[in-house]
PDB file of N, CA and C in Angstrom:
ATOM      1  N   UNK A   1      17.889 -55.552  -9.453  1.00  0.00           N
ATOM      2  CA  UNK A   1      17.369 -54.351 -10.299  1.00  0.00           C
ATOM      3  C   UNK A   1      16.387 -53.898  -9.352  1.00  0.00           C
ATOM      4  N   UNK A   2      16.104 -53.616  -8.283  1.00  0.00           N
ATOM      5  CA  UNK A   2      15.350 -52.999  -7.181  1.00  0.00           C
ATOM      6  C   UNK A   2      16.613 -51.678  -6.823  1.00  0.00           C
ATOM      7  N   UNK A   3      17.321 -51.976  -6.722  1.00  0.00           N
ATOM      8  CA  UNK A   3      18.656 -51.373  -5.820  1.00  0.00           C
ATOM      9  C   UNK A   3      19.297 -50.334  -7.127  1.00  0.00           C
ATOM     10  N   UNK A   4      19.179 -50.711  -8.278  1.00  0.00           N
ATOM     11  CA  UNK A   4      19.273 -50.174  -9.307  1.00  0.00           C
ATOM     12  C   UNK A   4      18.751 -49.015  -9.409  1.00  0.00           C
ATOM     13  N   UNK A   5      17.083 -49.329  -9.425  1.00  0.00           N
ATOM     14  CA  UNK A   5      15.695 -47.983  -9.758  1.00  0.00           C
ATOM     15  C   UNK A   5      16.291 -47.761  -8.612  1.00  0.00           C
ATOM     16  N   UNK A   6      16.588 -47.479  -7.230  1.00  0.00           N
ATOM     17  CA  UNK A   6      16.491 -46.821  -6.162  1.00  0.00           C
ATOM     18  C   UNK A   6      18.049 -45.882  -6.433  1.00  0.00           C
ATOM     19  N   UNK A   7      18.751 -46.588  -7.296  1.00  0.00           N
ATOM     20  CA  UNK A   7      20.146 -45.851  -7.247  1.00  0.00           C
ATOM     21  C   UNK A   7      19.796 -44.710  -8.090  1.00  0.00           C
ATOM     22  N   UNK A   8      19.566 -44.857  -9.742  1.00  0.00           N
ATOM     23  CA  UNK A   8      18.816 -44.265 -10.630  1.00  0.00           C
ATOM     24  C   UNK A   8      17.678 -43.004  -9.988  1.00  0.00           C
ATOM     25  N   UNK A   9      16.899 -43.271  -9.040  1.00  0.00           N
ATOM     26  CA  UNK A   9      16.139 -42.337  -8.689  1.00  0.00           C
ATOM     27  C   UNK A   9      16.640 -41.075  -7.511  1.00  0.00           C
ATOM     28  N   UNK A  10      17.593 -41.904  -7.042  1.00  0.00           N
ATOM     29  CA  UNK A  10      18.487 -41.075  -6.514  1.00  0.00           C
ATOM     30  C   UNK A  10      19.485 -39.830  -7.157  1.00  0.00           C
ATOM     31  N   UNK A  11      19.970 -40.335  -7.842  1.00  0.00           N
ATOM     32  CA  UNK A  11      20.412 -39.763  -9.159  1.00  0.00           C
ATOM     33  C   UNK A  11      19.659 -38.771  -9.805  1.00  0.00           C
ATOM     34  N   UNK A  12      18.554 -38.877 -10.290  1.00  0.00           N
ATOM     35  CA  UNK A  12      17.687 -38.118 -10.534  1.00  0.00           C
ATOM     36  C   UNK A  12      16.814 -37.051  -9.700  1.00  0.00           C
ATOM     37  N   UNK A  13      16.638 -36.957  -8.467  1.00  0.00           N
ATOM     38  CA  UNK A  13      16.064 -36.207  -7.261  1.00  0.00           C
ATOM     39  C   UNK A  13      16.478 -34.848  -7.472  1.00  0.00           C
ATOM     40  N   UNK A  14      17.956 -34.936  -7.785  1.00  0.00           N
ATOM     41  CA  UNK A  14      18.340 -33.494  -7.124  1.00  0.00           C
ATOM     42  C   UNK A  14      18.270 -32.721  -8.731  1.00  0.00           C
ATOM     43  N   UNK A  15      17.990 -33.217 -10.005  1.00  0.00           N
ATOM     44  CA  UNK A  15      18.018 -32.728 -10.968  1.00  0.00           C
ATOM     45  C   UNK A  15      16.334 -32.062 -10.938  1.00  0.00           C
ATOM     46  N   UNK A  16      15.325 -32.999 -10.780  1.00  0.00           N
ATOM     47  CA  UNK A  16      14.372 -32.647 -10.567  1.00  0.00           C
ATOM     48  C   UNK A  16      13.923 -31.556  -9.678  1.00  0.00           C
ATOM     49  N   UNK A  17      14.628 -31.325  -8.240  1.00  0.00           N
ATOM     50  CA  UNK A  17      14.525 -30.359  -7.558  1.00  0.00           C
ATOM     51  C   UNK A  17      15.058 -29.147  -8.115  1.00  0.00           C
ATOM     52  N   UNK A  18      16.102 -29.297  -8.629  1.00  0.00           N
ATOM     53  CA  UNK A  18      16.650 -27.747  -9.384  1.00  0.00           C
ATOM     54  C   UNK A  18      15.482 -27.636 -10.813  1.00  0.00           C
ATOM     55  N   UNK A  19      15.047 -28.051 -11.032  1.00  0.00           N
ATOM     56  CA  UNK A  19      14.415 -27.882 -12.464  1.00  0.00           C
ATOM     57  C   UNK A  19      13.072 -26.934 -11.951  1.00  0.00           C
ATOM     58  N   UNK A  20      12.467 -27.485 -10.219  1.00  0.00           N
ATOM     59  CA  UNK A  20      11.425 -27.171  -9.687  1.00  0.00           C
ATOM     60  C   UNK A  20      11.636 -25.653  -8.972  1.00  0.00           C
ATOM     61  N   UNK A  21      13.175 -25.764  -8.768  1.00  0.00           N
ATOM     62  CA  UNK A  21      13.308 -24.196  -8.009  1.00  0.00           C
ATOM     63  C   UNK A  21      13.864 -22.943  -9.100  1.00  0.00           C
ATOM     64  N   UNK A  22      14.286 -23.650 -10.398  1.00  0.00           N
ATOM     65  CA  UNK A  22      14.511 -22.860 -11.597  1.00  0.00           C
ATOM     66  C   UNK A  22      13.120 -22.432 -12.123  1.00  0.00           C
ATOM     67  N   UNK A  23      12.038 -22.988 -12.111  1.00  0.00           N
ATOM     68  CA  UNK A  23      10.491 -22.612 -12.379  1.00  0.00           C
ATOM     69  C   UNK A  23       9.902 -21.770 -11.781  1.00  0.00           C
ATOM     70  N   UNK A  24       9.948 -22.059 -10.261  1.00  0.00           N
ATOM     71  CA  UNK A  24       9.713 -21.307  -9.306  1.00  0.00           C
ATOM     72  C   UNK A  24      10.363 -19.429  -9.061  1.00  0.00           C
ATOM     73  N   UNK A  25      11.664 -19.596  -9.186  1.00  0.00           N
ATOM     74  CA  UNK A  25      12.275 -18.511  -9.822  1.00  0.00           C
ATOM     75  C   UNK A  25      12.068 -17.783 -10.957  1.00  0.00           C
ATOM     76  N   UNK A  26      11.490 -18.504 -12.090  1.00  0.00           N
ATOM     77  CA  UNK A  26      11.460 -17.533 -13.066  1.00  0.00           C
ATOM     78  C   UNK A  26       9.902 -17.349 -12.908  1.00  0.00           C
ATOM     79  N   UNK A  27       8.806 -17.880 -12.384  1.00  0.00           N
ATOM     80  CA  UNK A  27       7.440 -17.267 -12.328  1.00  0.00           C
ATOM     81  C   UNK A  27       7.734 -16.507 -11.330  1.00  0.00           C
ATOM     82  N   UNK A  28       8.558 -16.294 -10.264  1.00  0.00           N
ATOM     83  CA  UNK A  28       8.740 -15.390  -9.274  1.00  0.00           C
ATOM     84  C   UNK A  28       8.777 -13.726 -10.081  1.00  0.00           C
ATOM     85  N   UNK A  29      10.217 -13.832 -10.727  1.00  0.00           N
ATOM     86  CA  UNK A  29      10.957 -12.693 -11.547  1.00  0.00           C
ATOM     87  C   UNK A  29       9.665 -12.597 -12.547  1.00  0.00           C
ATOM     88  N   UNK A  30       8.889 -13.368 -13.098  1.00  0.00           N
ATOM     89  CA  UNK A  30       7.989 -12.734 -13.970  1.00  0.00           C
ATOM     90  C   UNK A  30       6.599 -12.111 -13.614  1.00  0.00           C
ATOM     91  N   UNK A  31       6.571 -12.477 -12.281  1.00  0.00           N
ATOM     92  CA  UNK A  31       5.475 -11.813 -11.257  1.00  0.00           C
ATOM     93  C   UNK A  31       5.828 -10.341 -10.751  1.00  0.00           C
ATOM     94  N   UNK A  32       7.277 -10.464 -10.310  1.00  0.00           N
ATOM     95  CA  UNK A  32       7.537  -9.127 -10.175  1.00  0.00           C
ATOM     96  C   UNK A  32       7.992  -8.195 -11.187  1.00  0.00           C
ATOM     97  N   UNK A  33       8.249  -8.642 -12.309  1.00  0.00           N
ATOM     98  CA  UNK A  33       8.273  -7.629 -13.939  1.00  0.00           C
ATOM     99  C   UNK A  33       6.294  -7.205 -14.334  1.00  0.00           C
ATOM    100  N   UNK A  34       5.635  -8.376 -13.817  1.00  0.00           N
ATOM    101  CA  UNK A  34       4.217  -7.803 -14.139  1.00  0.00           C
ATOM    102  C   UNK A  34       3.678  -6.927 -13.228  1.00  0.00           C
ATOM    103  N   UNK A  35       4.088  -6.767 -12.281  1.00  0.00           N
ATOM    104  CA  UNK A  35       3.968  -5.678 -10.917  1.00  0.00           C
ATOM    105  C   UNK A  35       4.731  -4.510 -11.469  1.00  0.00           C
ATOM    106  N   UNK A  36       5.606  -4.637 -11.963  1.00  0.00           N
ATOM    107  CA  UNK A  36       6.538  -2.899 -12.373  1.00  0.00           C
ATOM    108  C   UNK A  36       5.543  -2.435 -13.525  1.00  0.00           C
ATOM    109  N   UNK A  37       5.836  -3.488 -14.330  1.00  0.00           N
ATOM    110  CA  UNK A  37       4.999  -2.926 -15.378  1.00  0.00           C
ATOM    111  C   UNK A  37       3.525  -2.337 -15.126  1.00  0.00           C
ATOM    112  N   UNK A  38       2.792  -3.054 -14.252  1.00  0.00           N
ATOM    113  CA  UNK A  38       1.420  -2.681 -14.083  1.00  0.00           C
ATOM    114  C   UNK A  38       1.436  -1.225 -13.276  1.00  0.00           C
ATOM    115  N   UNK A  39       2.559  -0.962 -12.468  1.00  0.00           N
ATOM    116  CA  UNK A  39       2.692  -0.191 -11.740  1.00  0.00           C
ATOM    117  C   UNK A  39       3.305   1.461 -12.946  1.00  0.00           C
ATOM    118  N   UNK A  40       4.119   1.052 -13.886  1.00  0.00           N
ATOM    119  CA  UNK A  40       4.319   2.035 -14.735  1.00  0.00           C
ATOM    120  C   UNK A  40       3.053   2.201 -15.860  1.00  0.00           C
ATOM    121  N   UNK A  41       2.419   1.327 -16.013  1.00  0.00           N
ATOM    122  CA  UNK A  41       1.163   1.955 -16.691  1.00  0.00           C
ATOM    123  C   UNK A  41       0.187   2.417 -15.887  1.00  0.00           C
ATOM    124  N   UNK A  42      -0.165   2.537 -14.573  1.00  0.00           N
ATOM    125  CA  UNK A  42      -0.464   3.319 -13.749  1.00  0.00           C
ATOM    126  C   UNK A  42      -0.124   4.913 -13.642  1.00  0.00           C
ATOM    127  N   UNK A  43       1.323   4.933 -13.403  1.00  0.00           N
ATOM    128  CA  UNK A  43       1.914   6.164 -13.367  1.00  0.00           C
ATOM    129  C   UNK A  43       1.523   6.712 -15.012  1.00  0.00           C
ATOM    130  N   UNK A  44       1.699   6.136 -16.332  1.00  0.00           N
ATOM    131  CA  UNK A  44       1.495   6.496 -17.249  1.00  0.00           C
ATOM    132  C   UNK A  44      -0.297   7.178 -17.480  1.00  0.00           C
ATOM    133  N   UNK A  45      -0.921   6.716 -16.714  1.00  0.00           N
ATOM    134  CA  UNK A  45      -2.234   6.710 -16.955  1.00  0.00           C
ATOM    135  C   UNK A  45      -2.594   8.390 -15.980  1.00  0.00           C
ATOM    136  N   UNK A  46      -2.138   8.085 -14.767  1.00  0.00           N
ATOM    137  CA  UNK A  46      -2.157   8.850 -13.684  1.00  0.00           C
ATOM    138  C   UNK A  46      -1.612  10.275 -13.703  1.00  0.00           C
ATOM    139  N   UNK A  47      -0.058  10.158 -14.349  1.00  0.00           N
ATOM    140  CA  UNK A  47       0.821  10.911 -13.896  1.00  0.00           C
ATOM    141  C   UNK A  47       1.491  10.710 -12.227  1.00  0.00           C
ATOM    142  N   UNK A  48       1.572   9.721 -11.640  1.00  0.00           N
ATOM    143  CA  UNK A  48       1.950   9.374 -10.266  1.00  0.00           C
ATOM    144  C   UNK A  48       1.843   7.910 -10.342  1.00  0.00           C
ATOM    145  N   UNK A  49       2.645   7.152  -9.207  1.00  0.00           N
ATOM    146  CA  UNK A  49       2.598   5.821  -9.094  1.00  0.00           C
ATOM    147  C   UNK A  49       1.412   5.785  -8.229  1.00  0.00           C
ATOM    148  N   UNK A  50       0.634   4.739  -7.945  1.00  0.00           N
ATOM    149  CA  UNK A  50      -0.604   4.424  -6.849  1.00  0.00           C
ATOM    150  C   UNK A  50      -0.155   5.290  -5.588  1.00  0.00           C
ATOM    151  N   UNK A  51      -1.423   5.667  -4.598  1.00  0.00           N
ATOM    152  CA  UNK A  51      -0.743   6.057  -3.399  1.00  0.00           C
ATOM    153  C   UNK A  51      -0.923   4.653  -2.561  1.00  0.00           C
ATOM    154  N   UNK A  52      -0.150   4.695  -1.566  1.00  0.00           N
ATOM    155  CA  UNK A  52       0.098   3.589  -0.898  1.00  0.00           C
ATOM    156  C   UNK A  52      -1.241   2.622  -0.395  1.00  0.00           C
ATOM    157  N   UNK A  53      -2.379   3.848  -0.095  1.00  0.00           N
ATOM    158  CA  UNK A  53      -3.344   3.521  -0.112  1.00  0.00           C
ATOM    159  C   UNK A  53      -4.629   4.661  -0.109  1.00  0.00           C
ATOM    160  N   UNK A  54      -5.702   4.089  -0.334  1.00  0.00           N
ATOM    161  CA  UNK A  54      -6.550   5.294  -0.358  1.00  0.00           C
ATOM    162  C   UNK A  54      -7.690   5.123   0.872  1.00  0.00           C
ATOM    163  N   UNK A  55      -8.120   6.214   1.353  1.00  0.00           N
ATOM    164  CA  UNK A  55      -8.487   6.535   2.800  1.00  0.00           C
ATOM    165  C   UNK A  55     -10.017   7.307   2.635  1.00  0.00           C
ATOM    166  N   UNK A  56     -10.921   6.805   3.537  1.00  0.00           N
ATOM    167  CA  UNK A  56     -12.312   7.815   3.858  1.00  0.00           C
ATOM    168  C   UNK A  56     -11.244   8.909   4.527  1.00  0.00           C
ATOM    169  N   UNK A  57     -13.051   9.258   5.390  1.00  0.00           N
ATOM    170  CA  UNK A  57     -12.121  10.877   6.283  1.00  0.00           C
ATOM    171  C   UNK A  57     -11.481   9.865   7.237  1.00  0.00           C
ATOM    172  N   UNK A  58     -11.414   8.776   8.220  1.00  0.00           N
ATOM    173  CA  UNK A  58     -10.428   8.723   8.760  1.00  0.00           C
ATOM    174  C   UNK A  58     -10.161   7.302   9.156  1.00  0.00           C
ATOM    175  N   UNK A  59     -10.042   6.401   8.021  1.00  0.00           N
ATOM    176  CA  UNK A  59      -9.806   4.896   8.085  1.00  0.00           C
ATOM    177  C   UNK A  59      -9.333   4.693   6.620  1.00  0.00           C
ATOM    178  N   UNK A  60      -8.285   3.767   6.440  1.00  0.00           N
ATOM    179  CA  UNK A  60      -7.900   3.194   5.174  1.00  0.00           C
ATOM    180  C   UNK A  60      -8.841   2.796   4.677  1.00  0.00           C
ATOM    181  N   UNK A  61      -8.876   1.998   3.112  1.00  0.00           N
ATOM    182  CA  UNK A  61      -9.759   1.315   2.173  1.00  0.00           C
ATOM    183  C   UNK A  61      -9.106   0.676   1.506  1.00  0.00           C
ATOM    184  N   UNK A  62      -8.285   1.046   0.733  1.00  0.00           N
ATOM    185  CA  UNK A  62      -7.427   0.085  -0.150  1.00  0.00           C
ATOM    186  C   UNK A  62      -6.138   0.422  -0.525  1.00  0.00           C
ATOM    187  N   UNK A  63      -5.582  -0.626  -0.894  1.00  0.00           N
ATOM    188  CA  UNK A  63      -3.952  -0.653  -0.483  1.00  0.00           C
ATOM    189  C   UNK A  63      -3.672  -0.497  -2.565  1.00  0.00           C
ATOM    190  N   UNK A  64      -2.393   0.303  -2.499  1.00  0.00           N
ATOM    191  CA  UNK A  64      -1.570   0.363  -3.981  1.00  0.00           C
ATOM    192  C   UNK A  64      -2.197  -1.194  -4.378  1.00  0.00           C
ATOM    193  N   UNK A  65      -1.914  -2.458  -3.900  1.00  0.00           N
ATOM    194  CA  UNK A  65      -1.908  -3.627  -4.802  1.00  0.00           C
ATOM    195  C   UNK A  65      -3.618  -3.730  -5.413  1.00  0.00           C
ATOM    196  N   UNK A  66      -4.378  -3.019  -4.631  1.00  0.00           N
ATOM    197  CA  UNK A  66      -6.121  -3.200  -5.171  1.00  0.00           C
ATOM    198  C   UNK A  66      -6.504  -2.266  -6.093  1.00  0.00           C
ATOM    199  N   UNK A  67      -5.526  -1.223  -6.323  1.00  0.00           N
ATOM    200  CA  UNK A  67      -5.357  -0.242  -7.518  1.00  0.00           C
ATOM    201  C   UNK A  67      -5.001  -0.777  -8.603  1.00  0.00           C
ATOM    202  N   UNK A  68      -4.047  -1.043  -8.648  1.00  0.00           N
ATOM    203  CA  UNK A  68      -3.555  -1.795  -9.691  1.00  0.00           C
ATOM    204  C   UNK A  68      -3.888  -3.207 -10.660  1.00  0.00           C
ATOM    205  N   UNK A  69      -5.121  -3.522 -10.087  1.00  0.00           N
ATOM    206  CA  UNK A  69      -5.373  -4.983 -10.730  1.00  0.00           C
ATOM    207  C   UNK A  69      -5.723  -4.789 -11.747  1.00  0.00           C
ATOM    208  N   UNK A  70      -6.562  -3.510 -12.562  1.00  0.00           N
ATOM    209  CA  UNK A  70      -6.589  -3.721 -14.055  1.00  0.00           C
ATOM    210  C   UNK A  70      -5.715  -3.806 -14.667  1.00  0.00           C
ATOM    211  N   UNK A  71      -4.412  -3.195 -14.056  1.00  0.00           N
ATOM    212  CA  UNK A  71      -3.472  -3.230 -15.007  1.00  0.00           C
ATOM    213  C   UNK A  71      -2.515  -4.338 -14.894  1.00  0.00           C
ATOM    214  N   UNK A  72      -3.126  -5.358 -13.938  1.00  0.00           N
ATOM    215  CA  UNK A  72      -2.288  -6.642 -13.938  1.00  0.00           C
ATOM    216  C   UNK A  72      -3.655  -7.725 -14.474  1.00  0.00           C
ATOM    217  N   UNK A  73      -4.292  -7.402 -15.300  1.00  0.00           N
ATOM    218  CA  UNK A  73      -5.766  -7.597 -16.233  1.00  0.00           C
ATOM    219  C   UNK A  73      -6.340  -8.780 -15.418  1.00  0.00           C
ATOM    220  N   UNK A  74      -6.641  -8.448 -14.287  1.00  0.00           N
ATOM    221  CA  UNK A  74      -7.645  -8.476 -13.373  1.00  0.00           C
ATOM    222  C   UNK A  74      -8.734  -7.776 -13.091  1.00  0.00           C
ATOM    223  N   UNK A  75      -9.008  -6.853 -14.001  1.00  0.00           N
ATOM    224  CA  UNK A  75     -10.746  -5.978 -13.715  1.00  0.00           C
ATOM    225  C   UNK A  75     -11.336  -6.728 -13.475  1.00  0.00           C
ATOM    226  N   UNK A  76     -12.206  -8.188 -13.871  1.00  0.00           N
ATOM    227  CA  UNK A  76     -13.078  -8.338 -13.554  1.00  0.00           C
ATOM    228  C   UNK A  76     -13.143  -8.526 -11.795  1.00  0.00           C
ATOM    229  N   UNK A  77     -12.350  -8.609 -11.234  1.00  0.00           N
ATOM    230  CA  UNK A  77     -12.037  -8.715  -9.674  1.00  0.00           C
ATOM    231  C   UNK A  77     -12.092  -7.564  -9.013  1.00  0.00           C
ATOM    232  N   UNK A  78     -10.870  -6.205 -10.023  1.00  0.00           N
ATOM    233  CA  UNK A  78     -11.388  -5.260  -9.442  1.00  0.00           C
ATOM    234  C   UNK A  78     -12.853  -4.488  -9.612  1.00  0.00           C
ATOM    235  N   UNK A  79     -13.606  -5.340 -10.704  1.00  0.00           N
ATOM    236  CA  UNK A  79     -14.920  -4.604 -10.259  1.00  0.00           C
ATOM    237  C   UNK A  79     -16.036  -4.943  -9.763  1.00  0.00           C
ATOM    238  N   UNK A  80     -15.294  -6.115  -8.945  1.00  0.00           N
ATOM    239  CA  UNK A  80     -16.212  -6.938  -8.071  1.00  0.00           C
ATOM    240  C   UNK A  80     -15.768  -6.206  -6.538  1.00  0.00           C
ATOM    241  N   UNK A  81     -15.046  -5.412  -6.769  1.00  0.00           N
ATOM    242  CA  UNK A  81     -14.847  -5.033  -5.246  1.00  0.00           C
ATOM    243  C   UNK A  81     -15.534  -3.458  -4.825  1.00  0.00           C
ATOM    244  N   UNK A  82     -15.726  -3.314  -3.915  1.00  0.00           N
ATOM    245  CA  UNK A  82     -16.598  -1.934  -3.445  1.00  0.00           C
ATOM    246  C   UNK A  82     -15.157  -1.013  -2.744  1.00  0.00           C
ATOM    247  N   UNK A  83     -15.124   0.043  -3.509  1.00  0.00           N
ATOM    248  CA  UNK A  83     -13.640   0.335  -3.369  1.00  0.00           C
ATOM    249  C   UNK A  83     -14.372   1.654  -2.195  1.00  0.00           C
ATOM    250  N   UNK A  84     -15.581   1.853  -1.976  1.00  0.00           N
ATOM    251  CA  UNK A  84     -16.144   2.703  -0.635  1.00  0.00           C
ATOM    252  C   UNK A  84     -15.762   1.963   0.683  1.00  0.00           C
ATOM    253  N   UNK A  85     -15.782   0.762   0.502  1.00  0.00           N
ATOM    254  CA  UNK A  85     -15.593   0.027   1.800  1.00  0.00           C
ATOM    255  C   UNK A  85     -14.214  -0.691   2.110  1.00  0.00           C
ATOM    256  N   UNK A  86     -13.770  -0.634   3.221  1.00  0.00           N
ATOM    257  CA  UNK A  86     -12.816  -1.103   3.995  1.00  0.00           C
ATOM    258  C   UNK A  86     -12.314  -2.535   3.195  1.00  0.00           C
ATOM    259  N   UNK A  87     -11.299  -2.699   3.097  1.00  0.00           N
ATOM    260  CA  UNK A  87     -10.577  -4.048   2.395  1.00  0.00           C
ATOM    261  C   UNK A  87     -11.356  -4.865   3.690  1.00  0.00           C
ATOM    262  N   UNK A  88     -11.574  -6.441   3.097  1.00  0.00           N
ATOM    263  CA  UNK A  88     -11.978  -7.632   4.241  1.00  0.00           C
ATOM    264  C   UNK A  88     -13.330  -7.323   5.015  1.00  0.00           C
ATOM    265  N   UNK A  89     -14.004  -5.930   4.658  1.00  0.00           N
ATOM    266  CA  UNK A  89     -15.309  -6.151   4.952  1.00  0.00           C
ATOM    267  C   UNK A  89     -15.904  -6.253   3.881  1.00  0.00           C
TER     268      UNK A  89
END
């Protein structure tokens, strides 16, 4: 009985791993699609894609990833950021 259970588990394990891989691939594709739509919505609003980064007089502050947060439905996070301070400080 234990051997049969072991064989069944061995047969099911590859199927479970394939299902997990397919789910990860689908999630990754969805994330990329959401980023693309956010970039497109930003461009529709401002007439161009976001800059690579925003800068103060002599130092970079935030990247395009921070700038598109509101377009990814992360406005609360974006509102918490002080865009006049360098990222990570």
